[in-house]
Amino acid sequence: MLAYGTMPNVPDATDPSSPGSQLNRLVIIMQILRSADGCPWDREQTLKSLRPFLVEETYEVVDAIDAGDTDALRDELGDLVFEAVFLAQLCTENDQFTLADALASAADKLVRRHPHVFDVDAEKNAGREIRSSTDVKRQWEEIKAEEQQTAGQEPSLLGGLPAGLPALLRAYRMGRRAATVGFDWDQPSGALDKVSEELGELRTAISGGHPEAIEEELGDLLFAVANVSRQLGVEPEGALQGANRKFATRFGALEQRFALEGRALRDATLDEMESAWQHLKRETSHSTE
């Protein structure tokens, strides 16, 4: 049985309506949890062990946004901030950096990369004028490249994109960055033509029966689809999640329809399932009109 010292007091926020006060309260609670008299599980955690929790909390935030559930979003955002506080606490204990350092880094970066907001006179003197969000993105990448050069890094538009991003989202982000220097189609039709081209190459690879070529061409096709999505102003990860939800809903209705007839899907023919699927599809389409 674990022996604990005096029960620590949970601090109150000095100003409950102040984000800074609540953040400070969370930091103190985290320090208590990591202390000798704190929580055994929290004390055992490492940067690596917290990684899956950070990913999970991020997706829970996304789920709350997709569901339009602001109550859930409030809670999930709090959990996500807690993960950041937890990670910063570990780094503080290792004398690497503090949460204050991380927050200062983010604030300084925002100011530095928005000179059109925070240093308007300098922008005018430099002959730069920001008229659109496209101008903002181009300037952001230019400033980022300057920062990389100052830090002794080889400037790269695609540098810094996390390798751990979902592949479809990473493809979208890569295309978006390349577009800031004009490496892009003028119209969505160009991106759609590329999809047709890649689809043809995939058909050829399938005919050839070479697994490596099929995988490569399938990847090229998906990358081309991500670019179409970007050209149309649609975030592909969200679009695919929506398609997943729609399929799951319709497939569940398909199972239920056959269950009402006393049959499992495995006992139905493909033609029967397809006929029922098309009927469900029409019903769903009518309900959204």
Protein backbone atom coordinates (compact mmCIF):
# COMPACT_ATOMS: atom_id res chain seq x y z
CA MET A 1 0.00 0.00 0.00
CA LEU A 2 1.32 3.43 -0.96
CA ALA A 3 1.94 5.93 1.80
CA TYR A 4 0.96 9.50 1.14
CA GLY A 5 1.90 12.68 2.91
CA THR A 6 -0.40 15.50 3.80
CA MET A 7 -3.17 15.92 1.26
CA PRO A 8 -2.18 18.90 -0.95
CA ASN A 9 -4.62 21.73 -1.40
CA VAL A 10 -6.10 22.10 -4.87
CA PRO A 11 -5.53 25.77 -5.78
CA ASP A 12 -8.35 28.06 -6.80
CA ALA A 13 -8.08 30.35 -9.79
CA THR A 14 -7.49 33.91 -8.57
CA ASP A 15 -9.81 35.08 -11.35
CA PRO A 16 -12.05 32.26 -12.67
CA SER A 17 -12.83 34.25 -15.82
CA SER A 18 -9.15 34.77 -16.68
CA PRO A 19 -7.54 32.21 -19.03
CA GLY A 20 -4.14 33.02 -17.52
CA SER A 21 -5.38 32.37 -14.00
CA GLN A 22 -6.98 29.06 -14.99
CA LEU A 23 -3.84 28.02 -16.89
CA ASN A 24 -1.72 28.78 -13.83
CA ARG A 25 -4.10 26.68 -11.70
CA LEU A 26 -3.71 23.78 -14.13
CA VAL A 27 0.09 24.10 -14.03
CA ILE A 28 0.09 23.96 -10.22
CA ILE A 29 -2.23 20.93 -10.22
CA MET A 30 0.13 19.20 -12.66
CA GLN A 31 3.09 19.97 -10.43
CA ILE A 32 1.24 18.41 -7.47
CA LEU A 33 0.38 15.31 -9.49
CA ARG A 34 4.03 14.86 -10.45
CA SER A 35 5.33 15.45 -6.91
CA ALA A 36 6.46 12.75 -4.48
CA ASP A 37 3.06 12.88 -2.77
CA GLY A 38 1.19 13.04 -6.06
CA CYS A 39 -0.17 10.37 -8.40
CA PRO A 40 1.91 7.22 -9.10
CA TRP A 41 0.59 7.00 -12.69
CA ASP A 42 1.37 10.65 -13.48
CA ARG A 43 4.89 10.27 -12.04
CA GLU A 44 5.59 7.31 -14.34
CA GLN A 45 4.79 9.11 -17.57
CA THR A 46 7.38 10.13 -20.17
CA LEU A 47 7.23 12.22 -23.33
CA LYS A 48 6.94 9.04 -25.35
CA SER A 49 4.20 7.49 -23.18
CA LEU A 50 2.10 10.66 -23.47
CA ARG A 51 2.27 10.72 -27.27
CA PRO A 52 -0.82 8.50 -27.88
CA PHE A 53 -2.87 10.53 -25.39
CA LEU A 54 -1.97 13.74 -27.20
CA VAL A 55 -3.06 12.24 -30.53
CA GLU A 56 -6.28 10.89 -28.99
CA GLU A 57 -7.20 14.23 -27.41
CA THR A 58 -6.54 16.02 -30.71
CA TYR A 59 -8.97 13.74 -32.52
CA GLU A 60 -11.56 14.18 -29.78
CA VAL A 61 -11.38 17.94 -30.36
CA VAL A 62 -11.92 17.30 -34.07
CA ASP A 63 -14.87 15.01 -33.32
CA ALA A 64 -16.48 17.71 -31.18
CA ILE A 65 -16.05 20.26 -33.99
CA ASP A 66 -17.53 17.87 -36.56
CA ALA A 67 -20.48 17.14 -34.27
CA GLY A 68 -21.09 20.86 -33.67
CA ASP A 69 -21.10 20.10 -29.94
CA THR A 70 -19.71 23.20 -28.22
CA ASP A 71 -20.07 21.72 -24.72
CA ALA A 72 -17.92 18.76 -25.76
CA LEU A 73 -15.53 21.11 -27.55
CA ARG A 74 -15.04 23.12 -24.35
CA ASP A 75 -14.15 19.98 -22.41
CA GLU A 76 -11.95 18.50 -25.13
CA LEU A 77 -10.03 21.75 -25.61
CA GLY A 78 -9.35 21.73 -21.88
CA ASP A 79 -8.06 18.17 -22.11
CA LEU A 80 -5.83 19.10 -25.03
CA VAL A 81 -4.35 22.03 -23.12
CA PHE A 82 -3.80 19.70 -20.17
CA GLU A 83 -1.70 17.40 -22.39
CA ALA A 84 0.44 20.40 -23.37
CA VAL A 85 0.85 21.35 -19.70
CA PHE A 86 1.80 17.75 -18.85
CA LEU A 87 4.45 17.62 -21.59
CA ALA A 88 5.86 21.01 -20.56
CA GLN A 89 6.04 19.89 -16.92
CA LEU A 90 8.22 16.91 -17.89
CA CYS A 91 10.53 19.19 -19.86
CA THR A 92 10.67 21.63 -16.94
CA GLU A 93 11.75 18.82 -14.61
CA ASN A 94 14.51 17.91 -17.09
CA ASP A 95 15.71 21.55 -17.21
CA GLN A 96 14.89 21.76 -20.92
CA PHE A 97 12.22 24.47 -21.08
CA THR A 98 9.13 25.64 -19.22
CA LEU A 99 5.55 26.12 -20.30
CA ALA A 100 6.20 29.88 -20.17
CA ASP A 101 9.03 29.37 -22.68
CA ALA A 102 6.72 27.45 -25.02
CA LEU A 103 3.97 30.08 -24.77
CA ALA A 104 6.46 32.90 -25.33
CA SER A 105 7.80 31.10 -28.40
CA ALA A 106 4.29 30.82 -29.87
CA ALA A 107 3.45 34.48 -29.12
CA ASP A 108 6.75 35.78 -30.51
CA LYS A 109 6.31 33.71 -33.68
CA LEU A 110 2.81 35.08 -34.26
CA VAL A 111 3.99 38.66 -33.90
CA ARG A 112 7.05 38.05 -36.07
CA ARG A 113 5.06 36.41 -38.87
CA HIS A 114 2.30 39.05 -38.88
CA PRO A 115 4.24 42.25 -39.56
CA HIS A 116 1.25 43.53 -41.56
CA VAL A 117 -0.61 43.64 -38.24
CA PHE A 118 2.09 44.41 -35.66
CA ASP A 119 4.65 46.39 -37.70
CA VAL A 120 2.66 48.12 -40.42
CA ASP A 121 5.18 50.95 -40.98
CA ALA A 122 8.01 48.49 -41.63
CA GLU A 123 5.85 46.67 -44.16
CA LYS A 124 5.08 49.89 -46.02
CA ASN A 125 8.75 50.88 -46.04
CA ALA A 126 9.63 47.46 -47.46
CA GLY A 127 7.14 48.00 -50.26
CA ARG A 128 4.99 45.05 -49.26
CA GLU A 129 1.23 45.32 -49.15
CA ILE A 130 -1.11 42.63 -47.83
CA ARG A 131 -4.43 42.60 -49.63
CA SER A 132 -5.63 39.00 -49.27
CA SER A 133 -5.20 35.78 -47.33
CA THR A 134 -3.08 34.51 -50.25
CA ASP A 135 -0.66 37.41 -49.65
CA VAL A 136 -0.59 36.51 -45.94
CA LYS A 137 0.28 32.87 -46.64
CA ARG A 138 3.01 33.85 -49.10
CA GLN A 139 4.51 36.28 -46.60
CA TRP A 140 4.31 33.67 -43.84
CA GLU A 141 6.37 31.22 -45.91
CA GLU A 142 8.89 33.94 -46.83
CA ILE A 143 9.41 34.88 -43.18
CA LYS A 144 9.64 31.21 -42.21
CA ALA A 145 12.34 30.67 -44.86
CA GLU A 146 14.28 33.65 -43.49
CA GLU A 147 14.04 32.19 -39.98
CA GLN A 148 15.34 28.82 -41.21
CA GLN A 149 18.26 30.51 -42.95
CA THR A 150 19.12 32.50 -39.81
CA ALA A 151 19.06 29.26 -37.81
CA GLY A 152 21.50 27.67 -40.27
CA GLN A 153 18.86 25.40 -41.80
CA GLU A 154 18.32 24.85 -45.50
CA PRO A 155 15.12 26.79 -46.29
CA SER A 156 12.38 24.52 -47.62
CA LEU A 157 8.71 25.17 -48.21
CA LEU A 158 7.92 21.61 -47.19
CA GLY A 159 10.22 21.61 -44.19
CA GLY A 160 8.56 21.29 -40.82
CA LEU A 161 5.48 19.41 -41.99
CA PRO A 162 5.09 16.62 -39.40
CA ALA A 163 5.72 13.18 -40.87
CA GLY A 164 3.10 11.85 -38.44
CA LEU A 165 0.24 13.80 -40.03
CA PRO A 166 -2.47 11.64 -41.62
CA ALA A 167 -1.24 11.06 -45.17
CA LEU A 168 -4.23 12.70 -46.86
CA LEU A 169 -3.92 15.82 -44.71
CA ARG A 170 -0.15 15.96 -45.29
CA ALA A 171 -0.69 15.77 -49.06
CA TYR A 172 -3.18 18.65 -48.79
CA ARG A 173 -0.75 20.74 -46.73
CA MET A 174 2.16 20.03 -49.10
CA GLY A 175 0.11 21.16 -52.09
CA ARG A 176 -1.01 24.27 -50.23
CA ARG A 177 2.56 25.26 -49.42
CA ALA A 178 3.75 24.64 -52.98
CA ALA A 179 0.91 26.84 -54.22
CA THR A 180 2.27 29.84 -52.29
CA VAL A 181 5.09 30.12 -54.86
CA GLY A 182 2.79 29.59 -57.83
CA PHE A 183 3.41 25.85 -58.27
CA ASP A 184 -0.25 25.09 -58.86
CA TRP A 185 -3.02 24.89 -61.45
CA ASP A 186 -4.91 28.06 -62.34
CA GLN A 187 -8.26 26.28 -62.14
CA PRO A 188 -9.67 23.18 -60.40
CA SER A 189 -10.13 21.65 -63.85
CA GLY A 190 -6.36 21.22 -64.12
CA ALA A 191 -6.27 19.25 -60.89
CA LEU A 192 -9.24 17.15 -62.06
CA ASP A 193 -7.42 16.38 -65.31
CA LYS A 194 -4.50 15.16 -63.21
CA VAL A 195 -6.85 12.80 -61.37
CA SER A 196 -8.00 11.38 -64.71
CA GLU A 197 -4.37 10.96 -65.78
CA GLU A 198 -3.42 9.18 -62.55
CA LEU A 199 -6.52 6.97 -62.77
CA GLY A 200 -5.43 5.88 -66.24
CA GLU A 201 -1.94 5.07 -64.97
CA LEU A 202 -3.46 3.04 -62.13
CA ARG A 203 -5.55 1.04 -64.62
CA THR A 204 -2.40 0.33 -66.62
CA ALA A 205 -0.54 -0.77 -63.48
CA ILE A 206 -3.42 -3.09 -62.51
CA SER A 207 -3.36 -4.61 -65.99
CA GLY A 208 0.38 -5.20 -65.57
CA GLY A 209 -0.21 -7.00 -62.29
CA HIS A 210 2.83 -5.51 -60.53
CA PRO A 211 2.00 -4.83 -56.83
CA GLU A 212 4.68 -2.14 -56.37
CA ALA A 213 3.53 -0.22 -59.44
CA ILE A 214 -0.10 -0.50 -58.32
CA GLU A 215 0.75 0.87 -54.88
CA GLU A 216 2.75 3.74 -56.37
CA GLU A 217 0.02 4.72 -58.84
CA LEU A 218 -2.68 4.44 -56.18
CA GLY A 219 -0.65 6.81 -54.01
CA ASP A 220 -0.31 9.24 -56.92
CA LEU A 221 -4.08 9.10 -57.46
CA LEU A 222 -4.81 9.87 -53.81
CA PHE A 223 -2.30 12.74 -53.88
CA ALA A 224 -4.02 14.14 -56.98
CA VAL A 225 -7.41 13.90 -55.23
CA ALA A 226 -5.99 15.85 -52.28
CA ASN A 227 -4.98 18.60 -54.71
CA VAL A 228 -8.48 18.72 -56.19
CA SER A 229 -9.81 19.08 -52.66
CA ARG A 230 -7.43 21.95 -51.98
CA GLN A 231 -8.34 23.68 -55.25
CA LEU A 232 -12.02 23.48 -54.29
CA GLY A 233 -11.37 24.81 -50.78
CA VAL A 234 -12.40 21.54 -49.11
CA GLU A 235 -10.28 20.02 -46.34
CA PRO A 236 -9.91 16.38 -47.53
CA GLU A 237 -9.59 14.73 -44.13
CA GLY A 238 -12.90 16.23 -43.05
CA ALA A 239 -14.52 15.35 -46.38
CA LEU A 240 -13.40 11.73 -46.07
CA GLN A 241 -14.59 11.56 -42.47
CA GLY A 242 -17.99 12.78 -43.68
CA ALA A 243 -18.04 10.08 -46.36
CA ASN A 244 -17.09 7.49 -43.72
CA ARG A 245 -19.96 8.55 -41.49
CA LYS A 246 -22.40 8.48 -44.41
CA PHE A 247 -21.29 4.99 -45.43
CA ALA A 248 -21.50 3.72 -41.84
CA THR A 249 -25.03 5.12 -41.47
CA ARG A 250 -26.25 3.62 -44.74
CA PHE A 251 -24.56 0.28 -44.13
CA GLY A 252 -26.15 0.09 -40.68
CA ALA A 253 -29.54 0.80 -42.28
CA LEU A 254 -28.82 -1.92 -44.85
CA GLU A 255 -28.15 -4.45 -42.10
CA GLN A 256 -31.32 -3.39 -40.30
CA ARG A 257 -33.43 -3.70 -43.46
CA PHE A 258 -32.40 -7.31 -44.01
CA ALA A 259 -32.65 -8.07 -40.28
CA LEU A 260 -36.33 -7.03 -40.39
CA GLU A 261 -36.78 -9.70 -43.05
CA GLY A 262 -35.13 -12.24 -40.76
CA ARG A 263 -31.99 -12.39 -42.93
CA ALA A 264 -28.31 -11.57 -42.39
CA LEU A 265 -26.38 -9.73 -45.08
CA ARG A 266 -24.23 -12.81 -45.65
CA ASP A 267 -27.37 -14.62 -46.82
CA ALA A 268 -28.28 -11.96 -49.41
CA THR A 269 -26.99 -11.83 -52.96
CA LEU A 270 -24.90 -8.93 -54.20
CA ASP A 271 -27.76 -7.85 -56.49
CA GLU A 272 -30.17 -7.78 -53.54
CA MET A 273 -27.77 -5.76 -51.42
CA GLU A 274 -27.07 -3.35 -54.29
CA SER A 275 -30.79 -2.85 -54.95
CA ALA A 276 -31.47 -2.15 -51.27
CA TRP A 277 -28.42 0.14 -51.08
CA GLN A 278 -29.62 2.26 -54.00
CA HIS A 279 -33.08 2.48 -52.40
CA LEU A 280 -31.52 3.65 -49.11
CA LYS A 281 -29.36 6.11 -51.01
CA ARG A 282 -32.42 7.66 -52.66
CA GLU A 283 -34.21 7.85 -49.30
CA THR A 284 -31.23 9.57 -47.71
CA SER A 285 -30.87 12.00 -50.60
CA HIS A 286 -34.57 12.94 -50.41
CA SER A 287 -34.35 13.54 -46.66
CA THR A 288 -31.64 16.16 -47.15
CA GLU A 289 -33.47 18.14 -49.84
